[in-house]
Protein backbone atom coordinates (compact mmCIF):
# COMPACT_ATOMS: atom_id res chain seq x y z
CA MET A 1 152.14 23.03 19.09
CA VAL A 2 149.01 21.41 20.03
CA ASN A 3 146.72 24.09 21.66
CA GLY A 4 148.57 26.34 23.93
CA ILE A 5 152.06 24.76 24.69
CA PRO A 6 154.54 24.27 21.87
CA ALA A 7 155.42 20.60 20.76
CA GLU A 8 158.42 20.29 22.39
CA SER A 9 157.41 21.62 25.62
CA ARG A 10 154.60 18.91 25.41
CA ALA A 11 157.34 16.14 24.77
CA ALA A 12 159.34 17.12 27.80
CA ALA A 13 156.00 16.98 29.96
CA LYS A 14 155.67 13.40 28.94
CA ASP A 15 158.76 12.70 30.11
CA PRO A 16 158.82 11.40 33.68
CA ALA A 17 162.06 12.69 34.57
CA SER A 18 160.64 16.09 34.35
CA ALA A 19 158.92 16.01 37.66
CA LYS A 20 162.41 16.06 39.26
CA HIS A 21 162.82 19.28 38.17
CA LEU A 22 160.14 20.98 39.88
CA PRO A 23 161.59 23.71 42.20
CA GLN A 24 161.19 23.17 46.09
CA PRO A 25 158.72 24.73 47.64
CA GLY A 26 159.89 28.28 49.25
CA PRO A 27 158.93 29.45 52.79
CA THR A 28 155.91 31.85 51.36
CA ALA A 29 154.14 29.10 49.63
CA ARG A 30 155.11 26.09 51.62
CA GLY A 31 152.01 25.89 53.64
CA ALA A 32 149.82 26.36 50.64
CA ILE A 33 151.22 23.20 48.52
CA ALA A 34 151.29 20.61 51.38
CA PRO A 35 149.12 17.51 50.26
CA HIS A 36 145.28 17.85 51.61
CA ARG A 37 142.01 16.26 51.84
CA ARG A 38 139.24 17.97 49.68
CA PRO A 39 137.39 20.40 52.07
CA ALA A 40 133.80 21.31 51.35
CA TYR A 41 132.83 24.98 50.91
CA HIS A 42 129.46 25.50 52.16
CA ARG A 43 126.83 27.62 50.81
CA SER A 44 126.85 29.92 54.04
CA SER A 45 130.33 30.56 53.47
CA SER A 46 131.21 34.26 52.53
CA PRO A 47 134.44 34.59 50.65
CA SER A 48 136.31 36.26 53.25
CA GLN A 49 135.15 33.31 55.76
CA ARG A 50 136.43 30.42 53.27
CA ALA A 51 139.78 32.39 52.82
CA ARG A 52 140.32 32.11 56.50
CA GLU A 53 138.99 28.65 57.03
CA HIS A 54 140.35 26.82 53.53
CA GLY A 55 142.13 29.07 51.15
CA THR A 56 145.67 31.02 51.26
CA PRO A 57 145.57 34.24 50.14
CA VAL A 58 148.48 34.75 47.90
CA ALA A 59 151.25 36.69 49.87
CA GLN A 60 153.07 39.19 47.68
CA PRO A 61 157.06 39.66 47.42
CA GLU A 62 158.16 43.01 47.35
CA THR A 63 158.61 43.25 43.45
CA ALA A 64 154.75 42.59 42.76
CA SER A 65 155.02 43.02 39.12
CA LEU A 66 157.57 40.55 38.39
CA SER A 67 156.13 38.10 41.03
CA TYR A 68 154.85 34.61 39.60
CA LEU A 69 153.25 31.55 40.91
CA LEU A 70 155.33 28.72 39.69
CA LEU A 71 152.59 25.90 38.78
CA ASP A 72 152.98 21.99 37.59
CA VAL A 73 150.62 21.55 34.51
CA ALA A 74 150.75 17.70 33.86
CA GLY A 75 154.61 17.90 34.26
CA THR A 76 155.34 21.05 32.14
CA PRO A 77 156.38 23.84 34.18
CA CYS A 78 154.35 27.04 33.93
CA ALA A 79 153.86 30.16 35.80
CA LEU A 80 151.18 32.70 36.18
CA PRO A 81 151.08 36.17 37.49
CA ARG A 82 150.72 36.84 40.82
CA SER A 83 148.48 39.76 40.20
CA ALA A 84 146.25 36.90 38.42
CA ALA A 85 145.74 34.99 41.51
CA GLY A 86 143.39 35.65 44.45
CA GLU A 87 143.63 32.70 46.78
CA VAL A 88 145.23 29.13 46.31
CA LEU A 89 142.59 26.50 47.35
CA PRO A 90 142.80 23.04 47.93
CA LEU A 91 140.70 21.19 45.39
CA PRO A 92 137.25 20.10 46.83
CA ASP A 93 134.65 18.01 45.20
CA LEU A 94 133.30 20.08 42.08
CA PHE A 95 129.58 20.68 40.74
CA ARG A 96 129.62 18.90 37.43
CA PRO A 97 126.14 19.66 35.45
CA PRO A 98 125.43 17.25 32.47
CA ALA A 99 127.29 19.93 30.18
CA CYS A 100 130.40 20.12 31.74
CA GLY A 101 133.16 17.88 29.85
CA GLY A 102 136.41 18.48 28.33
CA TRP A 103 138.57 21.30 29.85
CA LEU A 104 135.76 22.48 31.89
CA ALA A 105 136.32 20.14 35.07
CA GLY A 106 132.91 21.46 36.84
CA PHE A 107 131.85 24.53 39.00
CA LEU A 108 133.17 25.61 42.37
CA ASN A 109 130.15 26.36 44.69
CA LEU A 110 131.16 29.35 46.71
CA GLY A 111 128.17 30.34 49.04
CA GLY A 112 125.83 29.33 46.16
CA GLU A 113 127.79 31.14 43.24
CA PRO A 114 129.15 28.67 40.87
CA VAL A 115 132.45 29.49 39.76
CA PRO A 116 134.00 27.72 36.59
CA VAL A 117 136.91 25.58 37.19
CA VAL A 118 138.99 25.28 34.14
CA ASP A 119 141.59 22.30 33.50
CA LEU A 120 144.70 23.86 32.54
CA ALA A 121 146.20 20.88 31.30
CA ARG A 122 143.40 19.95 29.14
CA LEU A 123 143.10 23.31 27.87
CA LEU A 124 146.78 23.49 26.80
CA GLY A 125 146.47 20.10 25.23
CA LEU A 126 149.01 18.72 27.87
CA ARG A 127 146.40 15.88 28.81
CA GLU A 128 144.08 13.84 27.12
CA GLY A 129 140.93 12.09 28.42
CA ALA A 130 139.94 11.84 31.77
CA HIS A 131 142.18 12.45 35.03
CA ASP A 132 141.73 11.70 38.56
CA PRO A 133 143.41 14.81 40.43
CA GLY A 134 146.35 13.97 42.70
CA PRO A 135 146.70 15.00 46.56
CA TYR A 136 148.51 18.33 45.61
CA ALA A 137 145.98 19.48 43.04
CA HIS A 138 145.28 23.34 43.58
CA LEU A 139 142.76 25.69 42.39
CA ILE A 140 143.79 29.30 41.43
CA LEU A 141 140.89 31.67 42.14
CA THR A 142 140.87 34.82 40.19
CA PRO A 143 141.07 38.04 42.07
CA ASP A 144 137.31 38.73 41.26
CA ALA A 145 136.24 34.96 41.83
CA ALA A 146 134.80 34.69 38.73
CA ALA A 147 136.94 31.62 37.44
CA ALA A 148 139.41 29.05 39.05
CA TRP A 149 142.42 27.33 37.19
CA LEU A 150 142.70 23.87 38.19
CA VAL A 151 146.83 22.61 38.20
CA ASP A 152 148.41 19.46 39.03
CA ARG A 153 150.21 21.61 42.00
CA VAL A 154 151.23 25.03 42.97
CA THR A 155 154.71 24.87 43.61
CA ASP A 156 156.12 28.05 44.81
CA LEU A 157 155.62 32.07 44.77
CA VAL A 158 158.72 33.83 43.48
CA ALA A 159 160.01 37.18 42.56
CA VAL A 160 161.60 37.10 39.11
CA GLU A 161 164.22 39.43 38.23
CA ALA A 162 163.17 41.56 34.68
CA ALA A 163 166.28 40.12 33.03
CA ALA A 164 164.97 36.63 33.24
CA ILE A 165 161.99 37.06 31.40
CA ARG A 166 161.72 36.78 27.91
CA PRO A 167 158.93 38.12 25.75
CA VAL A 168 157.21 35.28 23.63
CA ALA A 169 155.66 36.42 20.02
CA ALA A 170 151.73 36.19 20.09
CA GLY A 171 151.93 33.88 17.23
CA ALA A 172 153.86 31.31 18.96
CA SER A 173 151.19 29.99 21.19
CA LEU A 174 147.33 29.70 20.66
CA ASN A 175 145.81 33.06 21.23
CA GLY A 176 149.05 34.42 22.46
CA CYS A 177 148.18 32.61 26.03
CA VAL A 178 152.22 31.87 26.20
CA SER A 179 153.31 35.85 26.79
CA ALA A 180 157.09 34.91 28.13
CA GLU A 181 159.72 32.51 29.09
CA ILE A 182 161.09 32.68 32.67
CA ALA A 183 164.55 31.65 32.78
CA ARG A 184 165.36 29.54 36.09
CA GLY A 185 168.45 27.57 36.14
CA ASP A 186 169.06 25.62 33.38
CA ARG A 187 165.11 25.54 32.09
CA LEU A 188 162.44 27.93 30.90
CA ILE A 189 158.96 28.08 32.35
CA HIS A 190 156.03 29.28 30.43
CA ALA A 191 154.55 32.21 31.59
CA LEU A 192 150.72 32.12 31.00
CA ASP A 193 148.70 35.41 30.02
CA PRO A 194 145.47 34.33 31.86
CA ALA A 195 143.20 37.05 29.79
CA ARG A 196 144.44 35.17 26.66
CA LEU A 197 144.10 31.32 28.07
CA LEU A 198 140.57 31.51 27.04
CA SER A 199 138.88 32.98 23.38
CA ALA A 200 136.12 35.09 23.66
CA GLU A 201 133.66 32.49 22.06
CA GLU A 202 134.89 30.23 24.83
CA ARG A 203 134.48 32.74 27.59
CA ALA A 204 130.97 33.11 26.14
CA ARG A 205 130.29 29.65 26.39
CA VAL A 206 131.64 29.33 29.69
CA GLY A 207 129.73 32.28 30.78
CA HIS A 208 126.33 30.68 29.53
CA LEU A 209 127.13 27.31 31.38
CA THR A 210 127.66 29.31 34.62
CA ARG A 211 124.17 31.07 34.48
CA ALA A 212 122.56 27.64 34.10
CA ALA A 213 124.92 26.20 36.78
CA LYS A 214 123.32 28.62 38.96
CA ALA A 215 120.07 28.11 38.29
CA ARG A 216 120.07 24.72 38.84
CA LEU A 217 121.75 25.34 42.37
CA ALA A 218 119.13 27.79 43.07
CA ALA A 219 116.42 25.19 42.49
CA LEU A 220 117.99 23.20 45.27
CA PRO A 221 117.18 23.89 48.68
CA ALA A 222 119.83 25.15 51.12
CA ALA A 223 122.52 22.77 52.58
């Protein structure tokens, strides 16, 4: 295991054939996962205005407690609980102060408020070095807009039967960030626990950098 994802999954992620097994977009999420140009979220935009103009509020299937966003993270199929996603956004140009690097991809400027963007592939050890995001790259904004997860693609929003969710021992992944495996067809999808993706120390450091980024943005004239 390297960082969050077990070694066998990392090996599968490096197999180009794995991309062929990504699920086809369902009608709920189809509009959110089309290729897109990078938008600009203006300083004057409120979250509600931005959602109407650029974002895709995540619709909620009937069984909300078992609803998941399916993700492509460097070729590895992963999932996040629907409750952990406020919006799915096309990837804009990010604000990258000098302190950014590694899995902290930069900051999303939402009306003058910097939102830290975490590159899940780098965080989970599924990709090394700098990577130019592709045309399907998405940000998953947390419900409180306090952070965003960068993924290669959001592929679908699905309702999963409880019988298809297999709990994973906390020690099987770093900080217990993989909470379960979801059986879909002949493959298993890593269900991520957003509360465990970052350690307490990592959250503290990101918080410090976010406050510093806010001070830098505040020193600039309004656009």
